[in-house]
PDB file of N, CA and C in Angstrom:
ATOM      1  N   MET A   1      12.253   6.571   1.589  1.00  0.00           N
ATOM      2  CA  MET A   1      11.050   5.241   0.894  1.00  0.00           C
ATOM      3  C   MET A   1      12.433   5.327  -0.625  1.00  0.00           C
ATOM      4  N   PRO A   2      12.516   4.273  -0.972  1.00  0.00           N
ATOM      5  CA  PRO A   2      13.170   4.134  -2.200  1.00  0.00           C
ATOM      6  C   PRO A   2      12.919   4.683  -3.166  1.00  0.00           C
ATOM      7  N   THR A   3      13.709   5.323  -4.041  1.00  0.00           N
ATOM      8  CA  THR A   3      13.284   5.877  -5.478  1.00  0.00           C
ATOM      9  C   THR A   3      12.370   5.319  -6.265  1.00  0.00           C
ATOM     10  N   TRP A   4      12.516   4.184  -6.442  1.00  0.00           N
ATOM     11  CA  TRP A   4      11.601   3.271  -7.325  1.00  0.00           C
ATOM     12  C   TRP A   4      10.175   2.961  -6.944  1.00  0.00           C
ATOM     13  N   VAL A   5      10.044   3.166  -5.596  1.00  0.00           N
ATOM     14  CA  VAL A   5       8.669   3.167  -4.749  1.00  0.00           C
ATOM     15  C   VAL A   5       8.154   4.687  -4.946  1.00  0.00           C
ATOM     16  N   LYS A   6       8.665   5.477  -4.736  1.00  0.00           N
ATOM     17  CA  LYS A   6       8.328   6.773  -5.085  1.00  0.00           C
ATOM     18  C   LYS A   6       7.950   7.068  -6.661  1.00  0.00           C
ATOM     19  N   LYS A   7       8.638   6.549  -7.250  1.00  0.00           N
ATOM     20  CA  LYS A   7       8.442   6.709  -8.626  1.00  0.00           C
ATOM     21  C   LYS A   7       7.211   6.083  -8.986  1.00  0.00           C
ATOM     22  N   ALA A   8       6.855   4.825  -8.069  1.00  0.00           N
ATOM     23  CA  ALA A   8       5.663   3.986  -8.917  1.00  0.00           C
ATOM     24  C   ALA A   8       4.427   4.924  -8.221  1.00  0.00           C
ATOM     25  N   ILE A   9       4.514   5.370  -7.113  1.00  0.00           N
ATOM     26  CA  ILE A   9       3.427   5.960  -6.442  1.00  0.00           C
ATOM     27  C   ILE A   9       3.059   7.160  -7.159  1.00  0.00           C
ATOM     28  N   ASP A  10       3.987   7.830  -7.489  1.00  0.00           N
ATOM     29  CA  ASP A  10       3.829   9.101  -8.259  1.00  0.00           C
ATOM     30  C   ASP A  10       3.194   8.864  -9.746  1.00  0.00           C
ATOM     31  N   THR A  11       3.693   7.919 -10.252  1.00  0.00           N
ATOM     32  CA  THR A  11       3.040   7.482 -11.511  1.00  0.00           C
ATOM     33  C   THR A  11       1.514   7.029 -11.221  1.00  0.00           C
ATOM     34  N   TRP A  12       1.294   6.310 -10.351  1.00  0.00           N
ATOM     35  CA  TRP A  12      -0.150   5.813 -10.236  1.00  0.00           C
ATOM     36  C   TRP A  12      -1.312   7.191  -9.485  1.00  0.00           C
ATOM     37  N   THR A  13      -0.344   7.918  -8.769  1.00  0.00           N
ATOM     38  CA  THR A  13      -1.320   9.119  -8.642  1.00  0.00           C
ATOM     39  C   THR A  13      -1.749  10.104  -9.920  1.00  0.00           C
ATOM     40  N   SER A  14      -0.601  10.277 -10.604  1.00  0.00           N
ATOM     41  CA  SER A  14      -0.949  11.148 -11.717  1.00  0.00           C
ATOM     42  C   SER A  14      -1.846  10.368 -12.658  1.00  0.00           C
ATOM     43  N   VAL A  15      -1.701   9.153 -13.084  1.00  0.00           N
ATOM     44  CA  VAL A  15      -2.703   8.510 -13.857  1.00  0.00           C
ATOM     45  C   VAL A  15      -3.988   8.457 -13.263  1.00  0.00           C
ATOM     46  N   ALA A  16      -4.058   7.977 -12.041  1.00  0.00           N
ATOM     47  CA  ALA A  16      -5.563   7.801 -11.549  1.00  0.00           C
ATOM     48  C   ALA A  16      -6.128   9.209 -10.921  1.00  0.00           C
ATOM     49  N   GLY A  17      -5.097  10.399 -11.225  1.00  0.00           N
ATOM     50  CA  GLY A  17      -6.230  11.483 -10.804  1.00  0.00           C
ATOM     51  C   GLY A  17      -6.450  11.645  -9.615  1.00  0.00           C
ATOM     52  N   VAL A  18      -5.000  11.431  -8.646  1.00  0.00           N
ATOM     53  CA  VAL A  18      -5.329  11.190  -7.261  1.00  0.00           C
ATOM     54  C   VAL A  18      -4.348  12.386  -6.801  1.00  0.00           C
ATOM     55  N   THR A  19      -5.272  13.431  -6.000  1.00  0.00           N
ATOM     56  CA  THR A  19      -4.286  14.826  -5.567  1.00  0.00           C
ATOM     57  C   THR A  19      -4.405  14.862  -4.216  1.00  0.00           C
ATOM     58  N   ASP A  20      -5.484  14.057  -3.621  1.00  0.00           N
ATOM     59  CA  ASP A  20      -5.761  14.304  -1.970  1.00  0.00           C
ATOM     60  C   ASP A  20      -6.478  12.953  -1.425  1.00  0.00           C
ATOM     61  N   GLY A  21      -6.461  12.621  -0.245  1.00  0.00           N
ATOM     62  CA  GLY A  21      -6.989  11.477   0.307  1.00  0.00           C
ATOM     63  C   GLY A  21      -6.200  10.290   0.272  1.00  0.00           C
ATOM     64  N   GLN A  22      -6.948   9.259  -0.003  1.00  0.00           N
ATOM     65  CA  GLN A  22      -6.148   7.819   0.016  1.00  0.00           C
ATOM     66  C   GLN A  22      -5.550   7.528  -1.147  1.00  0.00           C
ATOM     67  N   VAL A  23      -4.349   7.075  -1.010  1.00  0.00           N
ATOM     68  CA  VAL A  23      -3.509   7.009  -2.153  1.00  0.00           C
ATOM     69  C   VAL A  23      -3.948   5.598  -3.063  1.00  0.00           C
ATOM     70  N   PHE A  24      -4.222   4.642  -2.117  1.00  0.00           N
ATOM     71  CA  PHE A  24      -4.746   3.140  -2.682  1.00  0.00           C
ATOM     72  C   PHE A  24      -6.223   2.969  -2.784  1.00  0.00           C
ATOM     73  N   ARG A  25      -6.774   3.156  -3.952  1.00  0.00           N
ATOM     74  CA  ARG A  25      -8.467   3.300  -4.283  1.00  0.00           C
ATOM     75  C   ARG A  25      -8.693   2.116  -4.856  1.00  0.00           C
ATOM     76  N   ALA A  26      -9.833   1.665  -5.109  1.00  0.00           N
ATOM     77  CA  ALA A  26     -10.489   1.028  -5.547  1.00  0.00           C
ATOM     78  C   ALA A  26     -10.831   1.291  -7.146  1.00  0.00           C
ATOM     79  N   VAL A  27     -10.616   0.369  -7.991  1.00  0.00           N
ATOM     80  CA  VAL A  27     -10.999   0.186  -9.505  1.00  0.00           C
ATOM     81  C   VAL A  27     -11.913  -0.553  -9.790  1.00  0.00           C
ATOM     82  N   ASP A  28     -13.041   0.000 -10.462  1.00  0.00           N
ATOM     83  CA  ASP A  28     -14.240  -0.657 -10.599  1.00  0.00           C
ATOM     84  C   ASP A  28     -14.056  -1.379 -11.977  1.00  0.00           C
ATOM     85  N   ARG A  29     -14.825  -2.405 -12.444  1.00  0.00           N
ATOM     86  CA  ARG A  29     -14.836  -3.067 -13.535  1.00  0.00           C
ATOM     87  C   ARG A  29     -14.512  -2.136 -15.033  1.00  0.00           C
ATOM     88  N   ALA A  30     -14.970  -1.227 -15.074  1.00  0.00           N
ATOM     89  CA  ALA A  30     -14.894  -0.334 -16.010  1.00  0.00           C
ATOM     90  C   ALA A  30     -13.358   0.610 -16.203  1.00  0.00           C
ATOM     91  N   ASP A  31     -12.670   0.157 -14.855  1.00  0.00           N
ATOM     92  CA  ASP A  31     -11.230   0.816 -14.885  1.00  0.00           C
ATOM     93  C   ASP A  31     -11.450   2.234 -14.443  1.00  0.00           C
ATOM     94  N   HIS A  32     -12.313   2.356 -13.867  1.00  0.00           N
ATOM     95  CA  HIS A  32     -12.725   3.800 -13.400  1.00  0.00           C
ATOM     96  C   HIS A  32     -11.981   4.004 -11.704  1.00  0.00           C
ATOM     97  N   VAL A  33     -11.368   4.620 -11.359  1.00  0.00           N
ATOM     98  CA  VAL A  33     -10.880   4.852  -9.929  1.00  0.00           C
ATOM     99  C   VAL A  33     -11.665   5.542  -9.171  1.00  0.00           C
ATOM    100  N   ARG A  34     -12.187   4.757  -8.043  1.00  0.00           N
ATOM    101  CA  ARG A  34     -13.160   5.366  -6.954  1.00  0.00           C
ATOM    102  C   ARG A  34     -12.547   6.105  -6.123  1.00  0.00           C
ATOM    103  N   THR A  35     -13.191   6.996  -5.514  1.00  0.00           N
ATOM    104  CA  THR A  35     -12.819   7.929  -4.410  1.00  0.00           C
ATOM    105  C   THR A  35     -12.347   6.797  -2.980  1.00  0.00           C
ATOM    106  N   ALA A  36     -13.180   6.060  -3.005  1.00  0.00           N
ATOM    107  CA  ALA A  36     -13.142   5.081  -1.733  1.00  0.00           C
ATOM    108  C   ALA A  36     -11.973   4.384  -1.788  1.00  0.00           C
ATOM    109  N   ALA A  37     -10.979   4.195  -0.371  1.00  0.00           N
ATOM    110  CA  ALA A  37     -10.089   3.598  -0.212  1.00  0.00           C
ATOM    111  C   ALA A  37     -10.151   2.178  -0.469  1.00  0.00           C
ATOM    112  N   LEU A  38      -9.203   1.140  -0.669  1.00  0.00           N
ATOM    113  CA  LEU A  38      -9.184  -0.071  -0.632  1.00  0.00           C
ATOM    114  C   LEU A  38      -9.586  -0.449   0.813  1.00  0.00           C
ATOM    115  N   SER A  39     -10.517  -1.651   0.636  1.00  0.00           N
ATOM    116  CA  SER A  39     -11.096  -2.152   2.199  1.00  0.00           C
ATOM    117  C   SER A  39      -9.840  -3.275   2.865  1.00  0.00           C
ATOM    118  N   GLU A  40      -9.964  -3.166   3.796  1.00  0.00           N
ATOM    119  CA  GLU A  40      -9.197  -4.078   4.485  1.00  0.00           C
ATOM    120  C   GLU A  40      -9.216  -5.522   4.097  1.00  0.00           C
ATOM    121  N   LYS A  41     -10.245  -5.794   3.566  1.00  0.00           N
ATOM    122  CA  LYS A  41     -10.398  -7.285   3.212  1.00  0.00           C
ATOM    123  C   LYS A  41      -9.903  -7.172   1.712  1.00  0.00           C
ATOM    124  N   VAL A  42      -9.847  -6.231   0.652  1.00  0.00           N
ATOM    125  CA  VAL A  42      -9.055  -6.404  -0.327  1.00  0.00           C
ATOM    126  C   VAL A  42      -7.795  -6.681  -0.153  1.00  0.00           C
ATOM    127  N   VAL A  43      -7.270  -5.530   0.502  1.00  0.00           N
ATOM    128  CA  VAL A  43      -5.882  -5.664   0.659  1.00  0.00           C
ATOM    129  C   VAL A  43      -5.445  -7.012   1.161  1.00  0.00           C
ATOM    130  N   TRP A  44      -6.254  -7.664   2.203  1.00  0.00           N
ATOM    131  CA  TRP A  44      -5.852  -8.828   2.635  1.00  0.00           C
ATOM    132  C   TRP A  44      -5.741  -9.980   1.690  1.00  0.00           C
ATOM    133  N   GLN A  45      -6.720  -9.700   0.880  1.00  0.00           N
ATOM    134  CA  GLN A  45      -6.866 -10.827  -0.829  1.00  0.00           C
ATOM    135  C   GLN A  45      -5.795 -10.703  -1.437  1.00  0.00           C
ATOM    136  N   GLN A  46      -5.364  -9.429  -1.673  1.00  0.00           N
ATOM    137  CA  GLN A  46      -3.980  -9.138  -2.827  1.00  0.00           C
ATOM    138  C   GLN A  46      -2.643  -9.521  -1.939  1.00  0.00           C
ATOM    139  N   LEU A  47      -2.804  -9.539  -0.636  1.00  0.00           N
ATOM    140  CA  LEU A  47      -1.458  -9.965  -0.096  1.00  0.00           C
ATOM    141  C   LEU A  47      -1.424 -11.364   0.168  1.00  0.00           C
ATOM    142  N   GLN A  48      -2.297 -12.173   0.097  1.00  0.00           N
ATOM    143  CA  GLN A  48      -2.199 -13.823   0.499  1.00  0.00           C
ATOM    144  C   GLN A  48      -1.335 -14.503  -0.594  1.00  0.00           C
ATOM    145  N   PRO A  49      -1.386 -14.240  -1.899  1.00  0.00           N
ATOM    146  CA  PRO A  49      -0.668 -15.101  -2.806  1.00  0.00           C
ATOM    147  C   PRO A  49       0.820 -14.984  -2.852  1.00  0.00           C
ATOM    148  N   TYR A  50       1.385 -13.536  -2.335  1.00  0.00           N
ATOM    149  CA  TYR A  50       2.699 -13.028  -2.164  1.00  0.00           C
ATOM    150  C   TYR A  50       3.059 -13.636  -1.021  1.00  0.00           C
ATOM    151  N   ALA A  51       2.159 -13.532   0.158  1.00  0.00           N
ATOM    152  CA  ALA A  51       2.402 -14.351   1.719  1.00  0.00           C
ATOM    153  C   ALA A  51       2.600 -15.708   1.301  1.00  0.00           C
ATOM    154  N   GLN A  52       1.893 -16.386   0.463  1.00  0.00           N
ATOM    155  CA  GLN A  52       1.928 -18.016   0.335  1.00  0.00           C
ATOM    156  C   GLN A  52       3.280 -18.238  -0.324  1.00  0.00           C
ATOM    157  N   ALA A  53       3.704 -17.513  -1.289  1.00  0.00           N
ATOM    158  CA  ALA A  53       4.750 -17.647  -2.100  1.00  0.00           C
ATOM    159  C   ALA A  53       6.077 -17.242  -1.125  1.00  0.00           C
ATOM    160  N   ALA A  54       5.980 -16.520  -0.564  1.00  0.00           N
ATOM    161  CA  ALA A  54       7.312 -16.073   0.526  1.00  0.00           C
ATOM    162  C   ALA A  54       7.065 -16.935   1.846  1.00  0.00           C
ATOM    163  N   GLY A  55       6.313 -17.732   1.764  1.00  0.00           N
ATOM    164  CA  GLY A  55       6.100 -18.858   2.805  1.00  0.00           C
ATOM    165  C   GLY A  55       5.944 -18.467   4.175  1.00  0.00           C
ATOM    166  N   VAL A  56       5.021 -17.471   4.355  1.00  0.00           N
ATOM    167  CA  VAL A  56       4.337 -16.950   5.398  1.00  0.00           C
ATOM    168  C   VAL A  56       2.854 -16.576   5.018  1.00  0.00           C
ATOM    169  N   PRO A  57       2.024 -18.092   5.061  1.00  0.00           N
ATOM    170  CA  PRO A  57       0.843 -17.882   5.096  1.00  0.00           C
ATOM    171  C   PRO A  57       0.245 -17.147   6.237  1.00  0.00           C
ATOM    172  N   GLY A  58      -1.018 -16.588   5.700  1.00  0.00           N
ATOM    173  CA  GLY A  58      -1.660 -16.238   7.184  1.00  0.00           C
ATOM    174  C   GLY A  58      -1.146 -14.687   7.727  1.00  0.00           C
ATOM    175  N   ILE A  59      -0.316 -14.053   7.134  1.00  0.00           N
ATOM    176  CA  ILE A  59       0.371 -12.960   7.291  1.00  0.00           C
ATOM    177  C   ILE A  59      -0.651 -11.762   6.951  1.00  0.00           C
ATOM    178  N   ALA A  60      -1.085 -10.705   7.899  1.00  0.00           N
ATOM    179  CA  ALA A  60      -2.041  -9.801   7.621  1.00  0.00           C
ATOM    180  C   ALA A  60      -1.385  -8.232   7.136  1.00  0.00           C
ATOM    181  N   PRO A  61      -1.941  -7.338   6.394  1.00  0.00           N
ATOM    182  CA  PRO A  61      -1.575  -6.146   6.207  1.00  0.00           C
ATOM    183  C   PRO A  61      -1.417  -5.580   7.370  1.00  0.00           C
ATOM    184  N   HIS A  62      -1.444  -5.728   8.428  1.00  0.00           N
ATOM    185  CA  HIS A  62      -1.255  -4.849   9.934  1.00  0.00           C
ATOM    186  C   HIS A  62      -0.074  -5.314  10.359  1.00  0.00           C
ATOM    187  N   ASN A  63       0.179  -6.773   9.755  1.00  0.00           N
ATOM    188  CA  ASN A  63       1.837  -7.292  10.398  1.00  0.00           C
ATOM    189  C   ASN A  63       2.715  -6.436   9.600  1.00  0.00           C
ATOM    190  N   LEU A  64       2.611  -5.912   8.383  1.00  0.00           N
ATOM    191  CA  LEU A  64       3.528  -5.277   7.448  1.00  0.00           C
ATOM    192  C   LEU A  64       3.382  -4.196   7.959  1.00  0.00           C
ATOM    193  N   ARG A  65       2.240  -3.248   8.367  1.00  0.00           N
ATOM    194  CA  ARG A  65       2.616  -1.881   9.190  1.00  0.00           C
ATOM    195  C   ARG A  65       3.311  -1.853  10.074  1.00  0.00           C
ATOM    196  N   ARG A  66       2.932  -2.576  11.170  1.00  0.00           N
ATOM    197  CA  ARG A  66       3.550  -2.667  12.344  1.00  0.00           C
ATOM    198  C   ARG A  66       5.258  -3.199  12.104  1.00  0.00           C
ATOM    199  N   THR A  67       5.804  -3.882  11.204  1.00  0.00           N
ATOM    200  CA  THR A  67       7.153  -4.177  10.722  1.00  0.00           C
ATOM    201  C   THR A  67       7.692  -3.014  10.120  1.00  0.00           C
ATOM    202  N   CYS A  68       7.120  -2.708   9.266  1.00  0.00           N
ATOM    203  CA  CYS A  68       7.335  -0.909   8.604  1.00  0.00           C
ATOM    204  C   CYS A  68       7.810  -0.281   9.712  1.00  0.00           C
ATOM    205  N   ALA A  69       6.976   0.197  10.947  1.00  0.00           N
ATOM    206  CA  ALA A  69       7.206   1.234  11.944  1.00  0.00           C
ATOM    207  C   ALA A  69       8.095   0.920  12.395  1.00  0.00           C
ATOM    208  N   VAL A  70       8.531  -0.457  13.053  1.00  0.00           N
ATOM    209  CA  VAL A  70       9.489  -1.058  13.778  1.00  0.00           C
ATOM    210  C   VAL A  70      10.893  -0.687  12.885  1.00  0.00           C
ATOM    211  N   GLU A  71      10.983  -1.143  11.490  1.00  0.00           N
ATOM    212  CA  GLU A  71      12.148  -1.120  10.660  1.00  0.00           C
ATOM    213  C   GLU A  71      12.436   0.817  10.836  1.00  0.00           C
ATOM    214  N   ALA A  72      11.130   1.361  10.377  1.00  0.00           N
ATOM    215  CA  ALA A  72      11.762   2.885  10.442  1.00  0.00           C
ATOM    216  C   ALA A  72      11.929   3.634  11.518  1.00  0.00           C
ATOM    217  N   ARG A  73      11.586   3.152  13.179  1.00  0.00           N
ATOM    218  CA  ARG A  73      12.040   3.609  14.064  1.00  0.00           C
ATOM    219  C   ARG A  73      13.462   3.489  14.142  1.00  0.00           C
ATOM    220  N   THR A  74      13.874   1.963  14.293  1.00  0.00           N
ATOM    221  CA  THR A  74      15.201   1.393  14.301  1.00  0.00           C
ATOM    222  C   THR A  74      15.982   2.286  13.817  1.00  0.00           C
ATOM    223  N   LEU A  75      15.670   2.448  12.236  1.00  0.00           N
ATOM    224  CA  LEU A  75      16.904   3.112  11.092  1.00  0.00           C
ATOM    225  C   LEU A  75      16.403   4.543  11.627  1.00  0.00           C
ATOM    226  N   ARG A  76      15.852   5.199  12.456  1.00  0.00           N
ATOM    227  CA  ARG A  76      15.554   6.339  12.816  1.00  0.00           C
ATOM    228  C   ARG A  76      14.920   7.172  11.087  1.00  0.00           C
ATOM    229  N   GLY A  77      14.185   6.427  10.810  1.00  0.00           N
ATOM    230  CA  GLY A  77      13.363   6.935   9.655  1.00  0.00           C
ATOM    231  C   GLY A  77      12.169   7.745  10.274  1.00  0.00           C
ATOM    232  N   GLN A  78      11.446   8.661   9.318  1.00  0.00           N
ATOM    233  CA  GLN A  78      10.427   9.619   9.638  1.00  0.00           C
ATOM    234  C   GLN A  78       8.891   8.384   9.200  1.00  0.00           C
ATOM    235  N   LEU A  79       7.996   8.610  10.117  1.00  0.00           N
ATOM    236  CA  LEU A  79       6.788   7.874   9.885  1.00  0.00           C
ATOM    237  C   LEU A  79       5.739   8.756   9.245  1.00  0.00           C
ATOM    238  N   MET A  80       5.839   9.957   9.716  1.00  0.00           N
ATOM    239  CA  MET A  80       4.921  10.744   9.178  1.00  0.00           C
ATOM    240  C   MET A  80       5.530  11.803   8.215  1.00  0.00           C
ATOM    241  N   ALA A  81       4.631  12.189   6.952  1.00  0.00           N
ATOM    242  CA  ALA A  81       4.725  12.958   6.127  1.00  0.00           C
ATOM    243  C   ALA A  81       4.896  14.465   6.709  1.00  0.00           C
ATOM    244  N   SER A  82       6.346  15.209   6.103  1.00  0.00           N
ATOM    245  CA  SER A  82       6.220  16.576   6.510  1.00  0.00           C
ATOM    246  C   SER A  82       5.759  17.556   5.611  1.00  0.00           C
TER     247      SER A  82
END
């Protein structure tokens, strides 16, 4: 994992008070972090503007997960936390 990604995730988990469970969680209109994970629909909706800008409209979160897994395996990366 790139250092900048780890730093961003560490900052988010600290500010949001996430100590276990899902890392990416819903935030309500009052800016309260919920315990429930983001739904697949929300992730898809957030991804779409970036997919359009990158010229790959219609890409789904699972496509990114699959691509990441293939790249990690190709580069002999570890997919599971130790």
